């Protein structure tokens, strides 16, 4: 799935993103930490891995492995 970063708090390492269908989805520190990234910026495009429960497990920048 892909979306765009809507909010990001570098202190808590959590935020929200807007999926391409307009749905807002929250992610927490473990999902951000799993990415290996240091920061995200508002409006940045991301790929996400979501579990069967709908929770975000990882936030990644498309094309960056």
PDB file of N, CA and C in Angstrom:
ATOM      1  N   UNK A   1       0.840  -1.174   0.000  1.00  0.00           N
ATOM      2  CA  UNK A   1       0.000   0.000   0.000  1.00  0.00           C
ATOM      3  C   UNK A   1       0.883   1.234   0.000  1.00  0.00           C
ATOM      4  N   UNK A   2       0.372   2.301  -0.582  1.00  0.00           N
ATOM      5  CA  UNK A   2       1.101   3.561  -0.575  1.00  0.00           C
ATOM      6  C   UNK A   2       0.231   4.665  -0.010  1.00  0.00           C
ATOM      7  N   UNK A   3       0.906   5.681   0.487  1.00  0.00           N
ATOM      8  CA  UNK A   3       0.217   6.839   1.022  1.00  0.00           C
ATOM      9  C   UNK A   3       1.163   8.015   1.136  1.00  0.00           C
ATOM     10  N   UNK A   4       0.684   9.067   1.786  1.00  0.00           N
ATOM     11  CA  UNK A   4       1.427  10.308   1.955  1.00  0.00           C
ATOM     12  C   UNK A   4       1.425  10.670   3.431  1.00  0.00           C
ATOM     13  N   UNK A   5       2.577  11.066   3.955  1.00  0.00           N
ATOM     14  CA  UNK A   5       2.688  11.438   5.362  1.00  0.00           C
ATOM     15  C   UNK A   5       1.862  12.699   5.623  1.00  0.00           C
ATOM     16  N   UNK A   6       0.924  12.599   6.558  1.00  0.00           N
ATOM     17  CA  UNK A   6       0.073  13.736   6.929  1.00  0.00           C
ATOM     18  C   UNK A   6       0.608  14.420   8.184  1.00  0.00           C
ATOM     19  N   UNK A   7       1.047  13.618   9.160  1.00  0.00           N
ATOM     20  CA  UNK A   7       1.647  14.158  10.387  1.00  0.00           C
ATOM     21  C   UNK A   7       2.793  13.249  10.790  1.00  0.00           C
ATOM     22  N   UNK A   8       3.791  13.836  11.447  1.00  0.00           N
ATOM     23  CA  UNK A   8       4.882  13.043  11.999  1.00  0.00           C
ATOM     24  C   UNK A   8       5.474  13.791  13.175  1.00  0.00           C
ATOM     25  N   UNK A   9       5.559  13.123  14.322  1.00  0.00           N
ATOM     26  CA  UNK A   9       6.148  13.686  15.528  1.00  0.00           C
ATOM     27  C   UNK A   9       7.476  12.973  15.755  1.00  0.00           C
ATOM     28  N   UNK A  10       8.585  13.685  15.563  1.00  0.00           N
ATOM     29  CA  UNK A  10       9.895  13.050  15.681  1.00  0.00           C
ATOM     30  C   UNK A  10      10.190  12.618  17.116  1.00  0.00           C
ATOM     31  N   UNK A  11       9.570  13.253  18.092  1.00  0.00           N
ATOM     32  CA  UNK A  11       9.773  12.868  19.482  1.00  0.00           C
ATOM     33  C   UNK A  11       9.180  11.511  19.803  1.00  0.00           C
ATOM     34  N   UNK A  12       7.952  11.290  19.376  1.00  0.00           N
ATOM     35  CA  UNK A  12       7.289  10.007  19.640  1.00  0.00           C
ATOM     36  C   UNK A  12       7.518   9.003  18.515  1.00  0.00           C
ATOM     37  N   UNK A  13       8.061   9.478  17.385  1.00  0.00           N
ATOM     38  CA  UNK A  13       8.318   8.664  16.192  1.00  0.00           C
ATOM     39  C   UNK A  13       7.032   8.029  15.668  1.00  0.00           C
ATOM     40  N   UNK A  14       5.935   8.748  15.767  1.00  0.00           N
ATOM     41  CA  UNK A  14       4.651   8.255  15.281  1.00  0.00           C
ATOM     42  C   UNK A  14       3.982   9.333  14.448  1.00  0.00           C
ATOM     43  N   UNK A  15       2.931   8.930  13.735  1.00  0.00           N
ATOM     44  CA  UNK A  15       2.230   9.908  12.915  1.00  0.00           C
ATOM     45  C   UNK A  15       1.044   9.289  12.216  1.00  0.00           C
ATOM     46  N   UNK A  16       0.585   9.985  11.191  1.00  0.00           N
ATOM     47  CA  UNK A  16      -0.529   9.509  10.385  1.00  0.00           C
ATOM     48  C   UNK A  16      -0.171   9.670   8.915  1.00  0.00           C
ATOM     49  N   UNK A  17      -0.809   8.868   8.110  1.00  0.00           N
ATOM     50  CA  UNK A  17      -0.639   9.000   6.667  1.00  0.00           C
ATOM     51  C   UNK A  17      -1.989   8.884   6.008  1.00  0.00           C
ATOM     52  N   UNK A  18      -2.075   9.436   4.812  1.00  0.00           N
ATOM     53  CA  UNK A  18      -3.291   9.335   4.014  1.00  0.00           C
ATOM     54  C   UNK A  18      -3.036   8.332   2.912  1.00  0.00           C
ATOM     55  N   UNK A  19      -3.830   7.271   2.897  1.00  0.00           N
ATOM     56  CA  UNK A  19      -3.728   6.300   1.826  1.00  0.00           C
ATOM     57  C   UNK A  19      -4.246   6.917   0.538  1.00  0.00           C
ATOM     58  N   UNK A  20      -3.936   6.304  -0.579  1.00  0.00           N
ATOM     59  CA  UNK A  20      -4.355   6.840  -1.870  1.00  0.00           C
ATOM     60  C   UNK A  20      -5.869   6.918  -2.017  1.00  0.00           C
ATOM     61  N   UNK A  21      -6.603   6.111  -1.240  1.00  0.00           N
ATOM     62  CA  UNK A  21      -8.066   6.170  -1.310  1.00  0.00           C
ATOM     63  C   UNK A  21      -8.657   7.224  -0.360  1.00  0.00           C
ATOM     64  N   UNK A  22      -7.771   7.988   0.340  1.00  0.00           N
ATOM     65  CA  UNK A  22      -8.219   9.055   1.233  1.00  0.00           C
ATOM     66  C   UNK A  22      -8.375   8.635   2.683  1.00  0.00           C
ATOM     67  N   UNK A  23      -8.188   7.357   2.972  1.00  0.00           N
ATOM     68  CA  UNK A  23      -8.292   6.848   4.339  1.00  0.00           C
ATOM     69  C   UNK A  23      -7.095   7.308   5.158  1.00  0.00           C
ATOM     70  N   UNK A  24      -7.345   7.788   6.370  1.00  0.00           N
ATOM     71  CA  UNK A  24      -6.270   8.172   7.273  1.00  0.00           C
ATOM     72  C   UNK A  24      -5.886   6.966   8.123  1.00  0.00           C
ATOM     73  N   UNK A  25      -4.594   6.737   8.273  1.00  0.00           N
ATOM     74  CA  UNK A  25      -4.100   5.577   8.992  1.00  0.00           C
ATOM     75  C   UNK A  25      -2.953   6.013   9.899  1.00  0.00           C
ATOM     76  N   UNK A  26      -3.018   5.635  11.166  1.00  0.00           N
ATOM     77  CA  UNK A  26      -1.973   5.998  12.131  1.00  0.00           C
ATOM     78  C   UNK A  26      -0.873   4.941  12.122  1.00  0.00           C
ATOM     79  N   UNK A  27       0.355   5.382  12.426  1.00  0.00           N
ATOM     80  CA  UNK A  27       1.451   4.437  12.643  1.00  0.00           C
ATOM     81  C   UNK A  27       2.169   4.837  13.920  1.00  0.00           C
ATOM     82  N   UNK A  28       2.738   3.832  14.586  1.00  0.00           N
ATOM     83  CA  UNK A  28       3.390   4.074  15.867  1.00  0.00           C
ATOM     84  C   UNK A  28       4.904   3.919  15.747  1.00  0.00           C
ATOM     85  N   UNK A  29       5.595   4.148  16.848  1.00  0.00           N
ATOM     86  CA  UNK A  29       7.059   4.114  16.855  1.00  0.00           C
ATOM     87  C   UNK A  29       7.629   2.786  16.347  1.00  0.00           C
ATOM     88  N   UNK A  30       7.097   1.624  16.743  1.00  0.00           N
ATOM     89  CA  UNK A  30       7.666   0.378  16.220  1.00  0.00           C
ATOM     90  C   UNK A  30       7.599   0.278  14.689  1.00  0.00           C
ATOM     91  N   UNK A  31       6.531   0.777  14.073  1.00  0.00           N
ATOM     92  CA  UNK A  31       6.421   0.759  12.608  1.00  0.00           C
ATOM     93  C   UNK A  31       7.466   1.677  11.981  1.00  0.00           C
ATOM     94  N   UNK A  32       7.694   2.839  12.585  1.00  0.00           N
ATOM     95  CA  UNK A  32       8.716   3.753  12.083  1.00  0.00           C
ATOM     96  C   UNK A  32      10.101   3.156  12.312  1.00  0.00           C
ATOM     97  N   UNK A  33      10.346   2.627  13.504  1.00  0.00           N
ATOM     98  CA  UNK A  33      11.654   2.061  13.832  1.00  0.00           C
ATOM     99  C   UNK A  33      12.009   0.888  12.917  1.00  0.00           C
ATOM    100  N   UNK A  34      11.023   0.104  12.497  1.00  0.00           N
ATOM    101  CA  UNK A  34      11.263  -1.040  11.616  1.00  0.00           C
ATOM    102  C   UNK A  34      11.772  -0.610  10.243  1.00  0.00           C
ATOM    103  N   UNK A  35      11.558   0.654   9.897  1.00  0.00           N
ATOM    104  CA  UNK A  35      11.966   1.141   8.584  1.00  0.00           C
ATOM    105  C   UNK A  35      13.453   1.443   8.491  1.00  0.00           C
ATOM    106  N   UNK A  36      14.079   1.731   9.627  1.00  0.00           N
ATOM    107  CA  UNK A  36      15.481   2.139   9.618  1.00  0.00           C
ATOM    108  C   UNK A  36      15.677   3.587   9.221  1.00  0.00           C
ATOM    109  N   UNK A  37      14.583   4.316   9.031  1.00  0.00           N
ATOM    110  CA  UNK A  37      14.668   5.736   8.662  1.00  0.00           C
ATOM    111  C   UNK A  37      14.971   6.581   9.885  1.00  0.00           C
ATOM    112  N   UNK A  38      15.449   7.792   9.655  1.00  0.00           N
ATOM    113  CA  UNK A  38      15.704   8.732  10.750  1.00  0.00           C
ATOM    114  C   UNK A  38      14.602   9.768  10.890  1.00  0.00           C
ATOM    115  N   UNK A  39      13.960  10.118   9.775  1.00  0.00           N
ATOM    116  CA  UNK A  39      12.904  11.131   9.821  1.00  0.00           C
ATOM    117  C   UNK A  39      11.990  10.968   8.623  1.00  0.00           C
ATOM    118  N   UNK A  40      10.844  11.604   8.710  1.00  0.00           N
ATOM    119  CA  UNK A  40       9.889  11.696   7.610  1.00  0.00           C
ATOM    120  C   UNK A  40       9.470  13.146   7.496  1.00  0.00           C
ATOM    121  N   UNK A  41       9.080  13.563   6.304  1.00  0.00           N
ATOM    122  CA  UNK A  41       8.594  14.929   6.138  1.00  0.00           C
ATOM    123  C   UNK A  41       7.150  14.904   5.647  1.00  0.00           C
ATOM    124  N   UNK A  42       6.410  15.928   5.998  1.00  0.00           N
ATOM    125  CA  UNK A  42       5.018  16.022   5.576  1.00  0.00           C
ATOM    126  C   UNK A  42       4.940  15.990   4.059  1.00  0.00           C
ATOM    127  N   UNK A  43       3.982  15.264   3.536  1.00  0.00           N
ATOM    128  CA  UNK A  43       3.799  15.160   2.090  1.00  0.00           C
ATOM    129  C   UNK A  43       4.659  14.099   1.429  1.00  0.00           C
ATOM    130  N   UNK A  44       5.532  13.457   2.175  1.00  0.00           N
ATOM    131  CA  UNK A  44       6.416  12.441   1.616  1.00  0.00           C
ATOM    132  C   UNK A  44       5.625  11.175   1.276  1.00  0.00           C
ATOM    133  N   UNK A  45       5.898  10.611   0.108  1.00  0.00           N
ATOM    134  CA  UNK A  45       5.259   9.360  -0.306  1.00  0.00           C
ATOM    135  C   UNK A  45       5.927   8.195   0.404  1.00  0.00           C
ATOM    136  N   UNK A  46       5.129   7.256   0.865  1.00  0.00           N
ATOM    137  CA  UNK A  46       5.657   6.085   1.555  1.00  0.00           C
ATOM    138  C   UNK A  46       4.916   4.827   1.135  1.00  0.00           C
ATOM    139  N   UNK A  47       5.596   3.707   1.281  1.00  0.00           N
ATOM    140  CA  UNK A  47       4.984   2.380   1.188  1.00  0.00           C
ATOM    141  C   UNK A  47       4.789   1.911   2.618  1.00  0.00           C
ATOM    142  N   UNK A  48       3.753   1.147   2.852  1.00  0.00           N
ATOM    143  CA  UNK A  48       3.563   0.587   4.186  1.00  0.00           C
ATOM    144  C   UNK A  48       3.287  -0.901   4.089  1.00  0.00           C
ATOM    145  N   UNK A  49       3.697  -1.606   5.133  1.00  0.00           N
ATOM    146  CA  UNK A  49       3.299  -2.994   5.333  1.00  0.00           C
ATOM    147  C   UNK A  49       2.306  -2.979   6.477  1.00  0.00           C
ATOM    148  N   UNK A  50       1.153  -3.569   6.250  1.00  0.00           N
ATOM    149  CA  UNK A  50       0.136  -3.633   7.295  1.00  0.00           C
ATOM    150  C   UNK A  50      -0.168  -5.095   7.604  1.00  0.00           C
ATOM    151  N   UNK A  51      -0.409  -5.378   8.868  1.00  0.00           N
ATOM    152  CA  UNK A  51      -0.766  -6.716   9.292  1.00  0.00           C
ATOM    153  C   UNK A  51      -2.223  -7.013   8.981  1.00  0.00           C
ATOM    154  N   UNK A  52      -2.638  -8.230   9.227  1.00  0.00           N
ATOM    155  CA  UNK A  52      -4.024  -8.618   8.989  1.00  0.00           C
ATOM    156  C   UNK A  52      -4.981  -7.849   9.889  1.00  0.00           C
ATOM    157  N   UNK A  53      -4.455  -7.351  11.021  1.00  0.00           N
ATOM    158  CA  UNK A  53      -5.287  -6.571  11.929  1.00  0.00           C
ATOM    159  C   UNK A  53      -5.415  -5.115  11.483  1.00  0.00           C
ATOM    160  N   UNK A  54      -4.738  -4.747  10.383  1.00  0.00           N
ATOM    161  CA  UNK A  54      -4.817  -3.392   9.855  1.00  0.00           C
ATOM    162  C   UNK A  54      -3.777  -2.439  10.415  1.00  0.00           C
ATOM    163  N   UNK A  55      -3.021  -2.886  11.420  1.00  0.00           N
ATOM    164  CA  UNK A  55      -1.982  -2.034  12.010  1.00  0.00           C
ATOM    165  C   UNK A  55      -0.770  -1.959  11.094  1.00  0.00           C
ATOM    166  N   UNK A  56      -0.187  -0.790  11.026  1.00  0.00           N
ATOM    167  CA  UNK A  56       1.010  -0.592  10.211  1.00  0.00           C
ATOM    168  C   UNK A  56       2.200  -1.232  10.909  1.00  0.00           C
ATOM    169  N   UNK A  57       2.910  -2.097  10.194  1.00  0.00           N
ATOM    170  CA  UNK A  57       4.086  -2.765  10.750  1.00  0.00           C
ATOM    171  C   UNK A  57       5.382  -2.086  10.329  1.00  0.00           C
ATOM    172  N   UNK A  58       5.369  -1.437   9.151  1.00  0.00           N
ATOM    173  CA  UNK A  58       6.580  -0.782   8.661  1.00  0.00           C
ATOM    174  C   UNK A  58       6.216   0.321   7.677  1.00  0.00           C
ATOM    175  N   UNK A  59       6.957   1.417   7.761  1.00  0.00           N
ATOM    176  CA  UNK A  59       6.801   2.553   6.839  1.00  0.00           C
ATOM    177  C   UNK A  59       8.113   2.648   6.061  1.00  0.00           C
ATOM    178  N   UNK A  60       8.037   2.631   4.723  1.00  0.00           N
ATOM    179  CA  UNK A  60       9.239   2.689   3.889  1.00  0.00           C
ATOM    180  C   UNK A  60       9.101   3.773   2.830  1.00  0.00           C
ATOM    181  N   UNK A  61      10.237   4.271   2.376  1.00  0.00           N
ATOM    182  CA  UNK A  61      10.257   5.195   1.249  1.00  0.00           C
ATOM    183  C   UNK A  61      10.316   4.347  -0.017  1.00  0.00           C
ATOM    184  N   UNK A  62       9.414   4.561  -0.981  1.00  0.00           N
ATOM    185  CA  UNK A  62       9.415   3.750  -2.206  1.00  0.00           C
ATOM    186  C   UNK A  62      10.781   3.815  -2.905  1.00  0.00           C
ATOM    187  N   UNK A  63      11.253   2.642  -3.318  1.00  0.00           N
ATOM    188  CA  UNK A  63      12.505   2.564  -4.057  1.00  0.00           C
ATOM    189  C   UNK A  63      13.749   2.551  -3.199  1.00  0.00           C
ATOM    190  N   UNK A  64      13.598   2.706  -1.868  1.00  0.00           N
ATOM    191  CA  UNK A  64      14.748   2.669  -0.965  1.00  0.00           C
ATOM    192  C   UNK A  64      14.682   1.366  -0.180  1.00  0.00           C
ATOM    193  N   UNK A  65      15.688   0.536  -0.346  1.00  0.00           N
ATOM    194  CA  UNK A  65      15.699  -0.754   0.360  1.00  0.00           C
ATOM    195  C   UNK A  65      16.522  -0.687   1.589  1.00  0.00           C
TER     196      UNK A  65
END
